[in-house]
Each structure stands twice: as C-alpha cells, then as structure tokens.
C-alpha cells in the first residue's frame, strides 16, 4: 500500500490543486447518479412515484451503472492517495461492504424487473420479496453514504 501511495496518480490526487477536488467531484456525481436512480427504483417498488411505469425501472438501473463506473474509477484514484489508511479503516471497509451489497441488490433486481415488471402493470402486485429487497437497498445505500462521509473523520 505504501508503494501505491507513491505512484504518480496518488501524488497528483494528494498534492495537486485540482487533483483531489476534481476526483472527489467526479465521485460525488457518480454517487448521485447511482444512489439517486437506484433510490427512485426502490421507492417506486415500494409504491411511490406512481407515474413511473414499472417497465421503465430497468432503464433507470442501466443508467445507474454508469454512476457506479464513475465511482469505481474515481474511488480508486482517491484510494491511492491514502491506501495505507483506507486498508486499516473499519469505517471505510464497512462502506465498501455496503457498496458491494448495494450493487448486488441492483444486479439482482435488474433482470427480475426485465422479466416481471410487465405483469405488475397488468394488475399483479409487486412481490413482497422485491419490496423487502427495495427497502433493504435504500438502507444499504444510506449506510454507504454515511460511512463514506465518516471515513474522512474517523
């Protein structure tokens, strides 16, 4: 990890006037895209945003993956700047676990939406298991955001 912190990328992020602010901005935009769109999907599955058809939710998740890609790239750059600290921070490690769990829930929901959403439009209720997963997804992403913010301070 010390070697990683000595790379040109890590030095640029850590010492440049624009490095850290730029990478953190990209990270924030990625988070807004991923968490924002997945939250809309989850809330729709829980009965909110009734004007959004269930069949459109797959498209929202598809776009959300771009936000996750921004976060992976920018997060890796941020990680290089303090790799030793991050690998020993329980808060950061918990955040990463939440990001993994949130990504898995989105990856599980997306094909299920493709297969079943049209039947929910025609009068069948959203299955309770899907609603439970949507509620869990909201909680997981909220924990990821909170612990991500705490990482800088704990």
C-alpha atoms as a PDB file:
ATOM      1  CA  UNK A   1       0.000   0.000   0.000  1.00  0.00           C
ATOM      2  CA  UNK A   2       2.919   2.321   0.614  1.00  0.00           C
ATOM      3  CA  UNK A   3       4.036   1.712  -2.963  1.00  0.00           C
ATOM      4  CA  UNK A   4       0.548   2.618  -4.198  1.00  0.00           C
ATOM      5  CA  UNK A   5       0.668   5.885  -2.253  1.00  0.00           C
ATOM      6  CA  UNK A   6       3.938   6.765  -4.001  1.00  0.00           C
ATOM      7  CA  UNK A   7       2.550   6.459  -7.543  1.00  0.00           C
ATOM      8  CA  UNK A   8       2.166   9.497  -9.773  1.00  0.00           C
ATOM      9  CA  UNK A   9      -1.632   9.250  -9.582  1.00  0.00           C
ATOM     10  CA  UNK A  10      -1.602   9.193  -5.778  1.00  0.00           C
ATOM     11  CA  UNK A  11       0.801  12.143  -5.655  1.00  0.00           C
ATOM     12  CA  UNK A  12      -1.359  14.099  -8.093  1.00  0.00           C
ATOM     13  CA  UNK A  13      -4.558  13.438  -6.114  1.00  0.00           C
ATOM     14  CA  UNK A  14      -2.862  14.237  -2.800  1.00  0.00           C
ATOM     15  CA  UNK A  15      -0.809  17.321  -3.742  1.00  0.00           C
ATOM     16  CA  UNK A  16      -2.271  18.945  -6.862  1.00  0.00           C
ATOM     17  CA  UNK A  17      -4.532  21.960  -6.505  1.00  0.00           C
ATOM     18  CA  UNK A  18      -7.098  20.317  -8.782  1.00  0.00           C
ATOM     19  CA  UNK A  19      -6.447  16.605  -8.195  1.00  0.00           C
ATOM     20  CA  UNK A  20      -8.405  15.918  -5.038  1.00  0.00           C
ATOM     21  CA  UNK A  21     -11.262  18.377  -5.742  1.00  0.00           C
ATOM     22  CA  UNK A  22     -11.700  17.061  -9.292  1.00  0.00           C
ATOM     23  CA  UNK A  23     -11.649  13.390  -8.327  1.00  0.00           C
ATOM     24  CA  UNK A  24     -13.961  13.993  -5.353  1.00  0.00           C
ATOM     25  CA  UNK A  25     -16.386  15.897  -7.601  1.00  0.00           C
ATOM     26  CA  UNK A  26     -16.466  13.007 -10.083  1.00  0.00           C
ATOM     27  CA  UNK A  27     -17.002  10.635  -7.150  1.00  0.00           C
ATOM     28  CA  UNK A  28     -19.909  12.755  -5.884  1.00  0.00           C
ATOM     29  CA  UNK A  29     -21.515  12.889  -9.335  1.00  0.00           C
ATOM     30  CA  UNK A  30     -21.185   9.118  -9.699  1.00  0.00           C
ATOM     31  CA  UNK A  31     -22.747   8.617  -6.281  1.00  0.00           C
ATOM     32  CA  UNK A  32     -25.614  10.954  -7.122  1.00  0.00           C
ATOM     33  CA  UNK A  33     -26.302   9.052 -10.345  1.00  0.00           C
ATOM     34  CA  UNK A  34     -26.066   5.569  -8.817  1.00  0.00           C
ATOM     35  CA  UNK A  35     -27.741   6.175  -5.495  1.00  0.00           C
ATOM     36  CA  UNK A  36     -30.231   8.680  -6.882  1.00  0.00           C
ATOM     37  CA  UNK A  37     -31.520   6.428  -9.639  1.00  0.00           C
ATOM     38  CA  UNK A  38     -31.476   3.261  -7.553  1.00  0.00           C
ATOM     39  CA  UNK A  39     -33.399   5.126  -4.843  1.00  0.00           C
ATOM     40  CA  UNK A  40     -36.054   6.132  -7.378  1.00  0.00           C
ATOM     41  CA  UNK A  41     -36.335   2.483  -8.455  1.00  0.00           C
ATOM     42  CA  UNK A  42     -36.552   1.298  -4.846  1.00  0.00           C
ATOM     43  CA  UNK A  43     -39.137   3.918  -3.910  1.00  0.00           C
ATOM     44  CA  UNK A  44     -41.224   3.044  -6.985  1.00  0.00           C
ATOM     45  CA  UNK A  45     -41.173  -0.613  -5.990  1.00  0.00           C
ATOM     46  CA  UNK A  46     -42.361   0.477  -2.537  1.00  0.00           C
ATOM     47  CA  UNK A  47     -45.339   2.324  -4.034  1.00  0.00           C
ATOM     48  CA  UNK A  48     -44.072   5.881  -4.574  1.00  0.00           C
ATOM     49  CA  UNK A  49     -43.722   7.738  -7.909  1.00  0.00           C
ATOM     50  CA  UNK A  50     -46.787   6.050  -9.379  1.00  0.00           C
ATOM     51  CA  UNK A  51     -46.394   7.901 -12.693  1.00  0.00           C
ATOM     52  CA  UNK A  52     -43.191   5.980 -13.427  1.00  0.00           C
ATOM     53  CA  UNK A  53     -44.131   2.685 -15.097  1.00  0.00           C
ATOM     54  CA  UNK A  54     -42.537  -0.428 -13.651  1.00  0.00           C
ATOM     55  CA  UNK A  55     -41.286  -1.297 -17.116  1.00  0.00           C
ATOM     56  CA  UNK A  56     -39.122   1.867 -17.131  1.00  0.00           C
ATOM     57  CA  UNK A  57     -37.220   0.900 -13.986  1.00  0.00           C
ATOM     58  CA  UNK A  58     -34.796  -1.369 -15.824  1.00  0.00           C
ATOM     59  CA  UNK A  59     -33.658   1.639 -17.876  1.00  0.00           C
ATOM     60  CA  UNK A  60     -33.002   3.641 -14.709  1.00  0.00           C
ATOM     61  CA  UNK A  61     -30.799   0.887 -13.305  1.00  0.00           C
ATOM     62  CA  UNK A  62     -28.994   0.675 -16.638  1.00  0.00           C
ATOM     63  CA  UNK A  63     -28.022   4.359 -16.337  1.00  0.00           C
ATOM     64  CA  UNK A  64     -27.188   3.919 -12.645  1.00  0.00           C
ATOM     65  CA  UNK A  65     -24.377   1.525 -13.607  1.00  0.00           C
ATOM     66  CA  UNK A  66     -22.615   4.456 -15.282  1.00  0.00           C
ATOM     67  CA  UNK A  67     -22.655   6.250 -11.957  1.00  0.00           C
ATOM     68  CA  UNK A  68     -21.109   3.209 -10.314  1.00  0.00           C
ATOM     69  CA  UNK A  69     -18.425   3.152 -13.013  1.00  0.00           C
ATOM     70  CA  UNK A  70     -17.606   6.802 -12.230  1.00  0.00           C
ATOM     71  CA  UNK A  71     -17.360   5.845  -8.563  1.00  0.00           C
ATOM     72  CA  UNK A  72     -15.116   2.858  -9.158  1.00  0.00           C
ATOM     73  CA  UNK A  73     -12.673   4.910 -11.227  1.00  0.00           C
ATOM     74  CA  UNK A  74     -12.706   7.994  -9.023  1.00  0.00           C
ATOM     75  CA  UNK A  75     -12.772   5.898  -5.843  1.00  0.00           C
ATOM     76  CA  UNK A  76      -9.700   4.001  -6.984  1.00  0.00           C
ATOM     77  CA  UNK A  77      -7.913   7.303  -7.559  1.00  0.00           C
ATOM     78  CA  UNK A  78      -8.945   8.558  -4.109  1.00  0.00           C
ATOM     79  CA  UNK A  79      -7.875   5.241  -2.588  1.00  0.00           C
ATOM     80  CA  UNK A  80      -4.356   5.511  -3.999  1.00  0.00           C
ATOM     81  CA  UNK A  81      -3.796   8.779  -2.172  1.00  0.00           C
ATOM     82  CA  UNK A  82      -4.270   7.190   1.277  1.00  0.00           C
ATOM     83  CA  UNK A  83      -4.150   3.440   0.676  1.00  0.00           C
ATOM     84  CA  UNK A  84      -2.488   2.587   3.994  1.00  0.00           C
ATOM     85  CA  UNK A  85      -5.139   4.478   5.955  1.00  0.00           C
ATOM     86  CA  UNK A  86      -8.071   3.070   3.975  1.00  0.00           C
ATOM     87  CA  UNK A  87      -6.972  -0.550   4.302  1.00  0.00           C
ATOM     88  CA  UNK A  88      -6.863  -0.192   8.086  1.00  0.00           C
ATOM     89  CA  UNK A  89     -10.075   1.846   8.491  1.00  0.00           C
ATOM     90  CA  UNK A  90     -13.052  -0.230   9.688  1.00  0.00           C
ATOM     91  CA  UNK A  91     -15.354   2.607   8.608  1.00  0.00           C
ATOM     92  CA  UNK A  92     -14.014   2.539   5.050  1.00  0.00           C
ATOM     93  CA  UNK A  93     -14.130  -1.260   4.891  1.00  0.00           C
ATOM     94  CA  UNK A  94     -17.766  -1.225   6.087  1.00  0.00           C
ATOM     95  CA  UNK A  95     -18.560   1.407   3.445  1.00  0.00           C
ATOM     96  CA  UNK A  96     -17.070  -0.820   0.771  1.00  0.00           C
ATOM     97  CA  UNK A  97     -19.140  -3.756   2.055  1.00  0.00           C
ATOM     98  CA  UNK A  98     -22.276  -1.610   1.766  1.00  0.00           C
ATOM     99  CA  UNK A  99     -21.354  -0.540  -1.783  1.00  0.00           C
ATOM    100  CA  UNK A 100     -20.866  -4.198  -2.697  1.00  0.00           C
ATOM    101  CA  UNK A 101     -24.199  -5.178  -1.131  1.00  0.00           C
ATOM    102  CA  UNK A 102     -25.996  -2.262  -2.820  1.00  0.00           C
ATOM    103  CA  UNK A 103     -24.507  -3.223  -6.178  1.00  0.00           C
ATOM    104  CA  UNK A 104     -25.556  -6.836  -5.696  1.00  0.00           C
ATOM    105  CA  UNK A 105     -29.140  -5.825  -4.907  1.00  0.00           C
ATOM    106  CA  UNK A 106     -29.270  -3.684  -8.068  1.00  0.00           C
ATOM    107  CA  UNK A 107     -27.769  -6.527 -10.108  1.00  0.00           C
ATOM    108  CA  UNK A 108     -30.378  -8.910  -8.703  1.00  0.00           C
ATOM    109  CA  UNK A 109     -33.304  -6.540  -9.259  1.00  0.00           C
ATOM    110  CA  UNK A 110     -32.471  -5.542 -12.819  1.00  0.00           C
ATOM    111  CA  UNK A 111     -33.105  -8.890 -14.564  1.00  0.00           C
ATOM    112  CA  UNK A 112     -36.114  -9.502 -12.338  1.00  0.00           C
ATOM    113  CA  UNK A 113     -37.572  -6.180 -13.461  1.00  0.00           C
ATOM    114  CA  UNK A 114     -36.975  -7.153 -17.087  1.00  0.00           C
ATOM    115  CA  UNK A 115     -38.792 -10.452 -16.588  1.00  0.00           C
ATOM    116  CA  UNK A 116     -41.667  -9.465 -14.296  1.00  0.00           C
ATOM    117  CA  UNK A 117     -42.372  -5.718 -14.448  1.00  0.00           C
ATOM    118  CA  UNK A 118     -44.904  -6.016 -17.271  1.00  0.00           C
ATOM    119  CA  UNK A 119     -47.040  -8.353 -15.149  1.00  0.00           C
ATOM    120  CA  UNK A 120     -47.068  -5.800 -12.308  1.00  0.00           C
ATOM    121  CA  UNK A 121     -48.517  -3.268 -14.752  1.00  0.00           C
ATOM    122  CA  UNK A 122     -51.400  -5.575 -15.592  1.00  0.00           C
ATOM    123  CA  UNK A 123     -52.645  -5.776 -12.021  1.00  0.00           C
ATOM    124  CA  UNK A 124     -50.339  -8.181 -10.258  1.00  0.00           C
ATOM    125  CA  UNK A 125     -48.803  -6.702  -7.141  1.00  0.00           C
ATOM    126  CA  UNK A 126     -45.087  -6.217  -6.741  1.00  0.00           C
ATOM    127  CA  UNK A 127     -43.972  -9.344  -4.844  1.00  0.00           C
ATOM    128  CA  UNK A 128     -43.227  -8.839  -1.149  1.00  0.00           C
ATOM    129  CA  UNK A 129     -39.692 -10.176  -1.646  1.00  0.00           C
ATOM    130  CA  UNK A 130     -38.997  -7.433  -4.195  1.00  0.00           C
ATOM    131  CA  UNK A 131     -40.397  -4.800  -1.819  1.00  0.00           C
ATOM    132  CA  UNK A 132     -38.230  -6.119   1.003  1.00  0.00           C
ATOM    133  CA  UNK A 133     -35.159  -6.005  -1.217  1.00  0.00           C
ATOM    134  CA  UNK A 134     -36.018  -2.439  -2.289  1.00  0.00           C
ATOM    135  CA  UNK A 135     -36.291  -1.336   1.354  1.00  0.00           C
ATOM    136  CA  UNK A 136     -33.013  -3.069   2.180  1.00  0.00           C
ATOM    137  CA  UNK A 137     -31.365  -1.397  -0.819  1.00  0.00           C
ATOM    138  CA  UNK A 138     -32.404   2.046   0.436  1.00  0.00           C
ATOM    139  CA  UNK A 139     -30.925   1.274   3.865  1.00  0.00           C
ATOM    140  CA  UNK A 140     -27.729  -0.151   2.377  1.00  0.00           C
ATOM    141  CA  UNK A 141     -27.071   2.882   0.173  1.00  0.00           C
ATOM    142  CA  UNK A 142     -27.841   5.243   3.050  1.00  0.00           C
ATOM    143  CA  UNK A 143     -25.287   3.400   5.196  1.00  0.00           C
ATOM    144  CA  UNK A 144     -22.750   3.553   2.347  1.00  0.00           C
ATOM    145  CA  UNK A 145     -23.167   7.319   2.111  1.00  0.00           C
ATOM    146  CA  UNK A 146     -22.999   7.882   5.865  1.00  0.00           C
ATOM    147  CA  UNK A 147     -19.947   5.703   6.373  1.00  0.00           C
ATOM    148  CA  UNK A 148     -18.315   7.246   3.307  1.00  0.00           C
ATOM    149  CA  UNK A 149     -18.624  10.664   4.892  1.00  0.00           C
ATOM    150  CA  UNK A 150     -17.428   9.366   8.273  1.00  0.00           C
ATOM    151  CA  UNK A 151     -14.343   7.835   6.656  1.00  0.00           C
ATOM    152  CA  UNK A 152     -12.803  11.276   6.341  1.00  0.00           C
ATOM    153  CA  UNK A 153     -13.261  11.939  10.053  1.00  0.00           C
ATOM    154  CA  UNK A 154     -12.863   8.613  11.875  1.00  0.00           C
END
